[in-house]
Amino acid sequence: MAEIKNESQYEAMIERIEELLKVVSNDTHLTDRYFLELDVISNLVEEYEEKYYTVKMPTLPEIIMDEMNERGLSQKQLAEILGVSPSRISEYMTGKAEPTLKVARLLNQKLDIDADFLLG
C-alpha cells in the first residue's frame, strides 16, 4: 500500500497499530517483522493525518480569549491587569493591533500565554 486512500483504510491501520503495539516494545529488534510493519504503517498514518487532520495553530486573539474565559475575565478586567485601555484590548481581540513588548510580557506573566505565540 503506497498510501491510505480513505477513512476506512485509515481506521483499519489505526487498529493494526494498536495490535502491533502489544507485541513491539523498546527492546524489539529493528529487523523484527512486527517492528518493520509498525514502522511502515505508522508512516502511512502520519502522512494521512498530515493531509486530512491538520491542526491549525490558534491566533493570538483566540489564545487571549481562551485564557480570559478560563479565568473568568472581562475585557475591562484584562485591561486593568495589563494597564491598557479596554479599547486597546478590543483592538488586540480583533487583530487591529498587536501587543507591545511590555504588554506581551504581561500577557506571558499574568495569563501564562507562551512567548512563542506572543512574539509570532
C-alpha atoms as a PDB file:
ATOM      1  CA  MET A   1       0.000   0.000   0.000  1.00  0.00           C
ATOM      2  CA  ALA A   2       1.580   3.279  -1.106  1.00  0.00           C
ATOM      3  CA  GLU A   3      -0.866   5.478   0.764  1.00  0.00           C
ATOM      4  CA  ILE A   4      -4.054   5.383   2.779  1.00  0.00           C
ATOM      5  CA  LYS A   5      -6.856   6.353   0.421  1.00  0.00           C
ATOM      6  CA  ASN A   6      -9.924   6.672   2.643  1.00  0.00           C
ATOM      7  CA  GLU A   7     -11.206   6.808   6.194  1.00  0.00           C
ATOM      8  CA  SER A   8     -11.963   3.093   6.440  1.00  0.00           C
ATOM      9  CA  GLN A   9      -8.394   2.212   5.465  1.00  0.00           C
ATOM     10  CA  TYR A  10      -7.184   4.777   7.995  1.00  0.00           C
ATOM     11  CA  GLU A  11      -9.296   3.216  10.767  1.00  0.00           C
ATOM     12  CA  ALA A  12      -8.021  -0.260   9.851  1.00  0.00           C
ATOM     13  CA  MET A  13      -4.428   0.984  10.048  1.00  0.00           C
ATOM     14  CA  ILE A  14      -5.057   2.554  13.455  1.00  0.00           C
ATOM     15  CA  GLU A  15      -6.447  -0.761  14.698  1.00  0.00           C
ATOM     16  CA  ARG A  16      -3.419  -2.607  13.326  1.00  0.00           C
ATOM     17  CA  ILE A  17      -1.070  -0.158  15.053  1.00  0.00           C
ATOM     18  CA  GLU A  18      -2.833  -0.845  18.348  1.00  0.00           C
ATOM     19  CA  GLU A  19      -2.398  -4.581  17.808  1.00  0.00           C
ATOM     20  CA  LEU A  20       1.275  -4.199  16.937  1.00  0.00           C
ATOM     21  CA  LEU A  21       1.969  -2.017  19.954  1.00  0.00           C
ATOM     22  CA  LYS A  22       1.064  -5.022  22.114  1.00  0.00           C
ATOM     23  CA  VAL A  23       3.902  -7.091  20.627  1.00  0.00           C
ATOM     24  CA  VAL A  24       6.510  -4.414  19.867  1.00  0.00           C
ATOM     25  CA  SER A  25       8.498  -2.810  22.675  1.00  0.00           C
ATOM     26  CA  ASN A  26      11.630  -0.730  23.073  1.00  0.00           C
ATOM     27  CA  ASP A  27      13.548  -3.992  23.195  1.00  0.00           C
ATOM     28  CA  THR A  28      12.213  -5.260  19.861  1.00  0.00           C
ATOM     29  CA  HIS A  29      14.964  -5.665  17.299  1.00  0.00           C
ATOM     30  CA  LEU A  30      14.876  -3.232  14.366  1.00  0.00           C
ATOM     31  CA  THR A  31      14.688  -6.116  11.883  1.00  0.00           C
ATOM     32  CA  ASP A  32      11.740  -7.807  13.605  1.00  0.00           C
ATOM     33  CA  ARG A  33       8.836  -8.160  11.156  1.00  0.00           C
ATOM     34  CA  TYR A  34       6.339  -6.636  13.610  1.00  0.00           C
ATOM     35  CA  PHE A  35       8.613  -3.676  14.215  1.00  0.00           C
ATOM     36  CA  LEU A  36       9.021  -3.151  10.472  1.00  0.00           C
ATOM     37  CA  GLU A  37       5.280  -3.422   9.886  1.00  0.00           C
ATOM     38  CA  LEU A  38       4.604  -0.940  12.679  1.00  0.00           C
ATOM     39  CA  ASP A  39       7.127   1.474  11.210  1.00  0.00           C
ATOM     40  CA  VAL A  40       5.607   1.318   7.714  1.00  0.00           C
ATOM     41  CA  ILE A  41       2.011   1.631   8.900  1.00  0.00           C
ATOM     42  CA  SER A  42       2.890   4.456  11.284  1.00  0.00           C
ATOM     43  CA  ASN A  43       4.433   6.400   8.413  1.00  0.00           C
ATOM     44  CA  LEU A  44       1.335   5.856   6.271  1.00  0.00           C
ATOM     45  CA  VAL A  45      -0.936   7.013   9.080  1.00  0.00           C
ATOM     46  CA  GLU A  46       1.243  10.055   9.711  1.00  0.00           C
ATOM     47  CA  GLU A  47       1.066  11.069   6.041  1.00  0.00           C
ATOM     48  CA  TYR A  48      -2.726  10.623   6.009  1.00  0.00           C
ATOM     49  CA  GLU A  49      -3.152  12.657   9.187  1.00  0.00           C
ATOM     50  CA  GLU A  50      -0.949  15.460   7.882  1.00  0.00           C
ATOM     51  CA  LYS A  51      -3.115  15.615   4.777  1.00  0.00           C
ATOM     52  CA  TYR A  52      -6.588  15.284   6.344  1.00  0.00           C
ATOM     53  CA  TYR A  53      -6.222  16.120  10.032  1.00  0.00           C
ATOM     54  CA  THR A  54      -4.080  19.205  10.027  1.00  0.00           C
ATOM     55  CA  VAL A  55      -4.128  21.147  13.257  1.00  0.00           C
ATOM     56  CA  LYS A  56      -4.498  24.862  12.775  1.00  0.00           C
ATOM     57  CA  MET A  57      -2.461  26.954  15.155  1.00  0.00           C
ATOM     58  CA  PRO A  58      -4.639  29.284  17.216  1.00  0.00           C
ATOM     59  CA  THR A  59      -4.361  33.002  16.651  1.00  0.00           C
ATOM     60  CA  LEU A  60      -3.243  35.334  19.424  1.00  0.00           C
ATOM     61  CA  PRO A  61      -6.785  36.716  19.868  1.00  0.00           C
ATOM     62  CA  GLU A  62      -8.091  33.144  20.231  1.00  0.00           C
ATOM     63  CA  ILE A  63      -5.442  32.357  22.841  1.00  0.00           C
ATOM     64  CA  ILE A  64      -6.183  35.540  24.780  1.00  0.00           C
ATOM     65  CA  MET A  65      -9.925  34.802  24.652  1.00  0.00           C
ATOM     66  CA  ASP A  66      -9.384  31.237  25.878  1.00  0.00           C
ATOM     67  CA  GLU A  67      -7.288  32.464  28.790  1.00  0.00           C
ATOM     68  CA  MET A  68      -9.833  35.162  29.634  1.00  0.00           C
ATOM     69  CA  ASN A  69     -12.639  32.585  29.622  1.00  0.00           C
ATOM     70  CA  GLU A  70     -10.611  30.191  31.755  1.00  0.00           C
ATOM     71  CA  ARG A  71     -10.011  32.889  34.338  1.00  0.00           C
ATOM     72  CA  GLY A  72     -13.478  34.456  34.075  1.00  0.00           C
ATOM     73  CA  LEU A  73     -12.058  37.812  32.996  1.00  0.00           C
ATOM     74  CA  SER A  74     -13.855  40.506  31.042  1.00  0.00           C
ATOM     75  CA  GLN A  75     -12.005  42.732  28.585  1.00  0.00           C
ATOM     76  CA  LYS A  76     -12.248  45.539  31.137  1.00  0.00           C
ATOM     77  CA  GLN A  77     -10.646  43.378  33.848  1.00  0.00           C
ATOM     78  CA  LEU A  78      -7.901  42.266  31.480  1.00  0.00           C
ATOM     79  CA  ALA A  79      -7.281  45.898  30.550  1.00  0.00           C
ATOM     80  CA  GLU A  80      -6.800  46.717  34.249  1.00  0.00           C
ATOM     81  CA  ILE A  81      -4.410  43.797  34.712  1.00  0.00           C
ATOM     82  CA  LEU A  82      -2.347  44.846  31.695  1.00  0.00           C
ATOM     83  CA  GLY A  83      -2.538  48.587  32.343  1.00  0.00           C
ATOM     84  CA  VAL A  84      -4.101  49.405  28.984  1.00  0.00           C
ATOM     85  CA  SER A  85      -7.478  50.742  27.921  1.00  0.00           C
ATOM     86  CA  PRO A  86     -10.428  48.418  27.231  1.00  0.00           C
ATOM     87  CA  SER A  87     -10.460  49.729  23.659  1.00  0.00           C
ATOM     88  CA  ARG A  88      -6.845  48.565  23.255  1.00  0.00           C
ATOM     89  CA  ILE A  89      -7.881  45.071  24.414  1.00  0.00           C
ATOM     90  CA  SER A  90     -10.654  45.188  21.828  1.00  0.00           C
ATOM     91  CA  GLU A  91      -8.076  46.046  19.167  1.00  0.00           C
ATOM     92  CA  TYR A  92      -5.959  43.051  20.239  1.00  0.00           C
ATOM     93  CA  MET A  93      -9.014  40.807  20.102  1.00  0.00           C
ATOM     94  CA  THR A  94      -9.998  41.909  16.593  1.00  0.00           C
ATOM     95  CA  GLY A  95      -6.441  41.779  15.286  1.00  0.00           C
ATOM     96  CA  LYS A  96      -6.340  45.517  14.606  1.00  0.00           C
ATOM     97  CA  ALA A  97      -3.344  45.958  16.909  1.00  0.00           C
ATOM     98  CA  GLU A  98      -0.502  43.823  18.204  1.00  0.00           C
ATOM     99  CA  PRO A  99       0.555  43.987  21.853  1.00  0.00           C
ATOM    100  CA  THR A 100       3.664  45.971  22.633  1.00  0.00           C
ATOM    101  CA  LEU A 101       6.628  44.106  24.066  1.00  0.00           C
ATOM    102  CA  LYS A 102       5.656  45.324  27.549  1.00  0.00           C
ATOM    103  CA  VAL A 103       2.065  44.074  27.139  1.00  0.00           C
ATOM    104  CA  ALA A 104       3.284  40.810  25.616  1.00  0.00           C
ATOM    105  CA  ARG A 105       5.496  40.274  28.665  1.00  0.00           C
ATOM    106  CA  LEU A 106       2.497  40.922  30.946  1.00  0.00           C
ATOM    107  CA  LEU A 107       0.323  38.515  28.924  1.00  0.00           C
ATOM    108  CA  ASN A 108       3.020  35.911  29.418  1.00  0.00           C
ATOM    109  CA  GLN A 109       3.337  36.595  33.146  1.00  0.00           C
ATOM    110  CA  LYS A 110      -0.309  37.195  34.063  1.00  0.00           C
ATOM    111  CA  LEU A 111      -2.110  34.809  31.708  1.00  0.00           C
ATOM    112  CA  ASP A 112       0.653  32.251  31.150  1.00  0.00           C
ATOM    113  CA  ILE A 113       0.488  32.729  27.376  1.00  0.00           C
ATOM    114  CA  ASP A 114       3.523  31.141  25.751  1.00  0.00           C
ATOM    115  CA  ALA A 115       6.060  33.684  24.498  1.00  0.00           C
ATOM    116  CA  ASP A 116       6.217  31.881  21.127  1.00  0.00           C
ATOM    117  CA  PHE A 117       2.588  32.831  20.451  1.00  0.00           C
ATOM    118  CA  LEU A 118       3.120  36.386  21.638  1.00  0.00           C
ATOM    119  CA  LEU A 119       6.187  37.027  19.543  1.00  0.00           C
ATOM    120  CA  GLY A 120       4.891  35.299  16.430  1.00  0.00           C
END
